[in-house]
Amino acid sequence: MKSILSIVVLVLIYSAVESKESPPKVQVYSRNPGNFGDKNTLICHVTGFHPPDISIQLLKNGVEIPDTCRVRHLKNLKTYTWEADM
């Protein structure tokens, strides 16, 4: 009886750990201060998500280019936009 109870407790603990979902924290920023007409690099930094099944794209008008960051974590889709501090 104790072994069955122990197994049930272990299964419940395991399922609680596996079911933890943490949304991603997303930061989009430029490598250097922006100057009109100069090339720059955008960085999309994504942290703190669980489970690790995630896709990250930098898009503009549905085309992958470096000025937006679309993050899909599990079934959630969220778009983050870079805006220059001007």
N, C-alpha and C. Protein backbone atom coordinates (compact mmCIF):
# COMPACT_ATOMS: atom_id res chain seq x y z
N MET A 1 0.82 -1.20 0.00
CA MET A 1 0.00 0.00 0.00
C MET A 1 0.86 1.26 0.00
N LYS A 2 1.95 1.25 0.78
CA LYS A 2 2.83 2.41 0.82
C LYS A 2 3.50 2.63 -0.53
N SER A 3 3.85 1.55 -1.21
CA SER A 3 4.51 1.70 -2.51
C SER A 3 3.55 2.30 -3.55
N ILE A 4 2.29 1.92 -3.50
CA ILE A 4 1.30 2.48 -4.43
C ILE A 4 1.11 3.96 -4.14
N LEU A 5 1.03 4.32 -2.88
CA LEU A 5 0.89 5.72 -2.49
C LEU A 5 2.12 6.52 -2.93
N SER A 6 3.30 5.95 -2.76
CA SER A 6 4.53 6.61 -3.17
C SER A 6 4.55 6.84 -4.68
N ILE A 7 4.12 5.85 -5.44
CA ILE A 7 4.08 5.98 -6.89
C ILE A 7 3.10 7.07 -7.31
N VAL A 8 1.94 7.10 -6.68
CA VAL A 8 0.94 8.13 -7.00
C VAL A 8 1.49 9.52 -6.70
N VAL A 9 2.14 9.67 -5.57
CA VAL A 9 2.73 10.97 -5.20
C VAL A 9 3.79 11.37 -6.21
N LEU A 10 4.66 10.45 -6.60
CA LEU A 10 5.70 10.75 -7.59
C LEU A 10 5.10 11.15 -8.93
N VAL A 11 4.06 10.46 -9.36
CA VAL A 11 3.40 10.81 -10.62
C VAL A 11 2.79 12.20 -10.54
N LEU A 12 2.16 12.54 -9.43
CA LEU A 12 1.58 13.87 -9.27
C LEU A 12 2.64 14.96 -9.27
N ILE A 13 3.75 14.71 -8.60
CA ILE A 13 4.85 15.69 -8.58
C ILE A 13 5.42 15.86 -9.98
N TYR A 14 5.65 14.76 -10.68
CA TYR A 14 6.20 14.82 -12.03
C TYR A 14 5.26 15.57 -12.97
N SER A 15 3.97 15.30 -12.89
CA SER A 15 3.03 15.98 -13.78
C SER A 15 2.94 17.47 -13.45
N ALA A 16 3.08 17.84 -12.19
CA ALA A 16 3.06 19.26 -11.82
C ALA A 16 4.27 19.98 -12.38
N VAL A 17 5.42 19.34 -12.35
CA VAL A 17 6.64 19.94 -12.89
C VAL A 17 6.54 20.06 -14.40
N GLU A 18 6.06 19.03 -15.07
CA GLU A 18 5.94 19.03 -16.52
C GLU A 18 4.90 20.02 -17.02
N SER A 19 3.88 20.32 -16.22
CA SER A 19 2.81 21.20 -16.68
C SER A 19 3.13 22.67 -16.49
N LYS A 20 4.24 23.00 -15.86
CA LYS A 20 4.60 24.39 -15.64
C LYS A 20 4.85 25.07 -16.99
N GLU A 21 4.18 26.18 -17.21
CA GLU A 21 4.36 26.96 -18.42
C GLU A 21 4.72 28.38 -18.02
N SER A 22 5.82 28.87 -18.55
CA SER A 22 6.24 30.24 -18.30
C SER A 22 6.33 30.96 -19.63
N PRO A 23 5.63 32.10 -19.79
CA PRO A 23 5.70 32.84 -21.05
C PRO A 23 7.08 33.47 -21.22
N PRO A 24 7.49 33.70 -22.46
CA PRO A 24 8.80 34.29 -22.69
C PRO A 24 8.83 35.78 -22.35
N LYS A 25 10.00 36.25 -21.95
CA LYS A 25 10.26 37.67 -21.80
C LYS A 25 11.05 38.08 -23.04
N VAL A 26 10.55 39.05 -23.79
CA VAL A 26 11.15 39.42 -25.07
C VAL A 26 11.63 40.86 -25.02
N GLN A 27 12.86 41.07 -25.48
CA GLN A 27 13.42 42.41 -25.61
C GLN A 27 13.96 42.55 -27.03
N VAL A 28 13.56 43.62 -27.72
CA VAL A 28 14.08 43.91 -29.06
C VAL A 28 14.80 45.25 -28.96
N TYR A 29 16.07 45.26 -29.35
CA TYR A 29 16.86 46.49 -29.25
C TYR A 29 17.94 46.50 -30.32
N SER A 30 18.50 47.69 -30.58
CA SER A 30 19.56 47.80 -31.58
C SER A 30 20.91 47.67 -30.90
N ARG A 31 21.87 47.16 -31.65
CA ARG A 31 23.21 46.97 -31.11
C ARG A 31 23.86 48.32 -30.80
N ASN A 32 23.72 49.28 -31.71
CA ASN A 32 24.33 50.61 -31.56
C ASN A 32 23.24 51.67 -31.61
N PRO A 33 23.51 52.88 -31.11
CA PRO A 33 22.55 53.97 -31.28
C PRO A 33 22.28 54.19 -32.77
N GLY A 34 21.02 54.43 -33.12
CA GLY A 34 20.67 54.56 -34.53
C GLY A 34 21.02 55.92 -35.11
N ASN A 35 21.52 55.90 -36.34
CA ASN A 35 21.76 57.10 -37.13
C ASN A 35 21.09 56.90 -38.47
N PHE A 36 20.30 57.87 -38.91
CA PHE A 36 19.56 57.75 -40.15
C PHE A 36 20.50 57.42 -41.31
N GLY A 37 20.15 56.37 -42.05
CA GLY A 37 20.95 55.98 -43.21
C GLY A 37 22.07 55.00 -42.91
N ASP A 38 22.41 54.82 -41.63
CA ASP A 38 23.48 53.88 -41.26
C ASP A 38 22.89 52.51 -40.99
N LYS A 39 23.64 51.47 -41.36
CA LYS A 39 23.21 50.11 -41.05
C LYS A 39 23.39 49.86 -39.57
N ASN A 40 22.55 49.00 -39.03
CA ASN A 40 22.63 48.64 -37.62
C ASN A 40 22.12 47.21 -37.49
N THR A 41 22.30 46.63 -36.34
CA THR A 41 21.84 45.27 -36.08
C THR A 41 20.78 45.30 -34.99
N LEU A 42 19.64 44.65 -35.26
CA LEU A 42 18.61 44.50 -34.23
C LEU A 42 18.81 43.17 -33.52
N ILE A 43 18.58 43.18 -32.24
CA ILE A 43 18.73 41.99 -31.42
C ILE A 43 17.38 41.68 -30.79
N CYS A 44 16.96 40.44 -30.92
CA CYS A 44 15.73 39.96 -30.28
C CYS A 44 16.16 38.97 -29.20
N HIS A 45 16.06 39.38 -27.95
CA HIS A 45 16.54 38.57 -26.82
C HIS A 45 15.32 37.98 -26.10
N VAL A 46 15.23 36.65 -26.08
CA VAL A 46 14.08 35.95 -25.50
C VAL A 46 14.57 35.05 -24.37
N THR A 47 13.99 35.21 -23.17
CA THR A 47 14.42 34.42 -22.01
C THR A 47 13.22 34.00 -21.18
N GLY A 48 13.47 33.11 -20.23
CA GLY A 48 12.52 32.78 -19.18
C GLY A 48 11.34 31.93 -19.58
N PHE A 49 11.39 31.22 -20.70
CA PHE A 49 10.23 30.45 -21.14
C PHE A 49 10.40 28.96 -20.82
N HIS A 50 9.25 28.32 -20.60
CA HIS A 50 9.22 26.87 -20.39
C HIS A 50 7.87 26.37 -20.83
N PRO A 51 7.74 25.30 -21.54
CA PRO A 51 8.79 24.40 -22.02
C PRO A 51 9.59 25.04 -23.15
N PRO A 52 10.69 24.41 -23.52
CA PRO A 52 11.61 25.02 -24.47
C PRO A 52 11.15 25.00 -25.93
N ASP A 53 9.93 24.57 -26.22
CA ASP A 53 9.42 24.56 -27.59
C ASP A 53 9.02 25.97 -27.97
N ILE A 54 9.86 26.66 -28.77
CA ILE A 54 9.62 28.06 -29.11
C ILE A 54 10.15 28.33 -30.51
N SER A 55 9.51 29.25 -31.22
CA SER A 55 10.05 29.72 -32.50
C SER A 55 10.11 31.24 -32.45
N ILE A 56 11.15 31.80 -33.04
CA ILE A 56 11.38 33.24 -33.00
C ILE A 56 11.71 33.70 -34.42
N GLN A 57 11.03 34.74 -34.89
CA GLN A 57 11.29 35.29 -36.21
C GLN A 57 11.33 36.81 -36.12
N LEU A 58 12.17 37.42 -36.92
CA LEU A 58 12.19 38.87 -37.09
C LEU A 58 11.50 39.16 -38.41
N LEU A 59 10.40 39.93 -38.38
CA LEU A 59 9.55 40.11 -39.56
C LEU A 59 9.20 41.57 -39.82
N LYS A 60 8.87 41.86 -41.09
CA LYS A 60 8.21 43.11 -41.47
C LYS A 60 7.23 42.77 -42.58
N ASN A 61 5.95 43.09 -42.37
CA ASN A 61 4.89 42.77 -43.32
C ASN A 61 4.90 41.29 -43.71
N GLY A 62 5.14 40.44 -42.74
CA GLY A 62 5.14 39.01 -42.97
C GLY A 62 6.41 38.47 -43.61
N VAL A 63 7.35 39.34 -43.93
CA VAL A 63 8.62 38.94 -44.54
C VAL A 63 9.71 39.03 -43.48
N GLU A 64 10.52 38.00 -43.40
CA GLU A 64 11.54 37.96 -42.35
C GLU A 64 12.65 38.97 -42.62
N ILE A 65 12.66 40.06 -41.84
CA ILE A 65 13.73 41.05 -41.85
C ILE A 65 13.89 41.57 -40.42
N PRO A 66 15.03 42.21 -40.14
CA PRO A 66 15.32 42.53 -38.73
C PRO A 66 14.72 43.82 -38.18
N ASP A 67 13.36 43.92 -38.12
CA ASP A 67 12.83 45.06 -37.36
C ASP A 67 11.61 44.72 -36.53
N THR A 68 11.15 43.48 -36.54
CA THR A 68 10.13 43.04 -35.60
C THR A 68 10.49 41.66 -35.11
N CYS A 69 9.88 41.27 -34.04
CA CYS A 69 10.19 39.97 -33.44
C CYS A 69 8.88 39.27 -33.13
N ARG A 70 8.60 38.17 -33.81
CA ARG A 70 7.38 37.41 -33.55
C ARG A 70 7.78 36.14 -32.82
N VAL A 71 7.15 35.91 -31.68
CA VAL A 71 7.50 34.78 -30.83
C VAL A 71 6.29 33.87 -30.71
N ARG A 72 6.47 32.59 -31.00
CA ARG A 72 5.42 31.60 -30.80
C ARG A 72 5.91 30.64 -29.73
N HIS A 73 5.21 30.65 -28.58
CA HIS A 73 5.53 29.75 -27.48
C HIS A 73 4.28 28.95 -27.19
N LEU A 74 4.37 27.64 -27.38
CA LEU A 74 3.22 26.75 -27.29
C LEU A 74 2.20 27.21 -28.32
N LYS A 75 0.99 27.58 -27.92
CA LYS A 75 -0.03 28.02 -28.88
C LYS A 75 -0.17 29.54 -28.91
N ASN A 76 0.64 30.25 -28.15
CA ASN A 76 0.52 31.70 -28.04
C ASN A 76 1.44 32.39 -29.04
N LEU A 77 0.89 33.33 -29.81
CA LEU A 77 1.66 34.11 -30.76
C LEU A 77 1.61 35.57 -30.33
N LYS A 78 2.76 36.19 -30.22
CA LYS A 78 2.82 37.59 -29.81
C LYS A 78 3.87 38.29 -30.66
N THR A 79 3.58 39.52 -31.05
CA THR A 79 4.51 40.29 -31.87
C THR A 79 5.05 41.46 -31.07
N TYR A 80 6.35 41.62 -31.11
CA TYR A 80 7.04 42.72 -30.43
C TYR A 80 7.69 43.58 -31.51
N THR A 81 7.53 44.89 -31.42
CA THR A 81 8.04 45.78 -32.45
C THR A 81 9.14 46.67 -31.90
N TRP A 82 10.19 46.81 -32.67
CA TRP A 82 11.28 47.69 -32.30
C TRP A 82 10.92 49.10 -32.73
N GLU A 83 11.09 50.05 -31.82
CA GLU A 83 10.86 51.44 -32.14
C GLU A 83 12.08 52.24 -31.73
N ALA A 84 12.60 52.99 -32.67
CA ALA A 84 13.80 53.79 -32.38
C ALA A 84 13.47 54.90 -31.39
N ASP A 85 14.41 55.17 -30.49
CA ASP A 85 14.28 56.30 -29.56
C ASP A 85 14.79 57.54 -30.28
N MET A 86 13.89 58.28 -30.88
CA MET A 86 14.33 59.44 -31.67
C MET A 86 13.72 60.69 -31.12
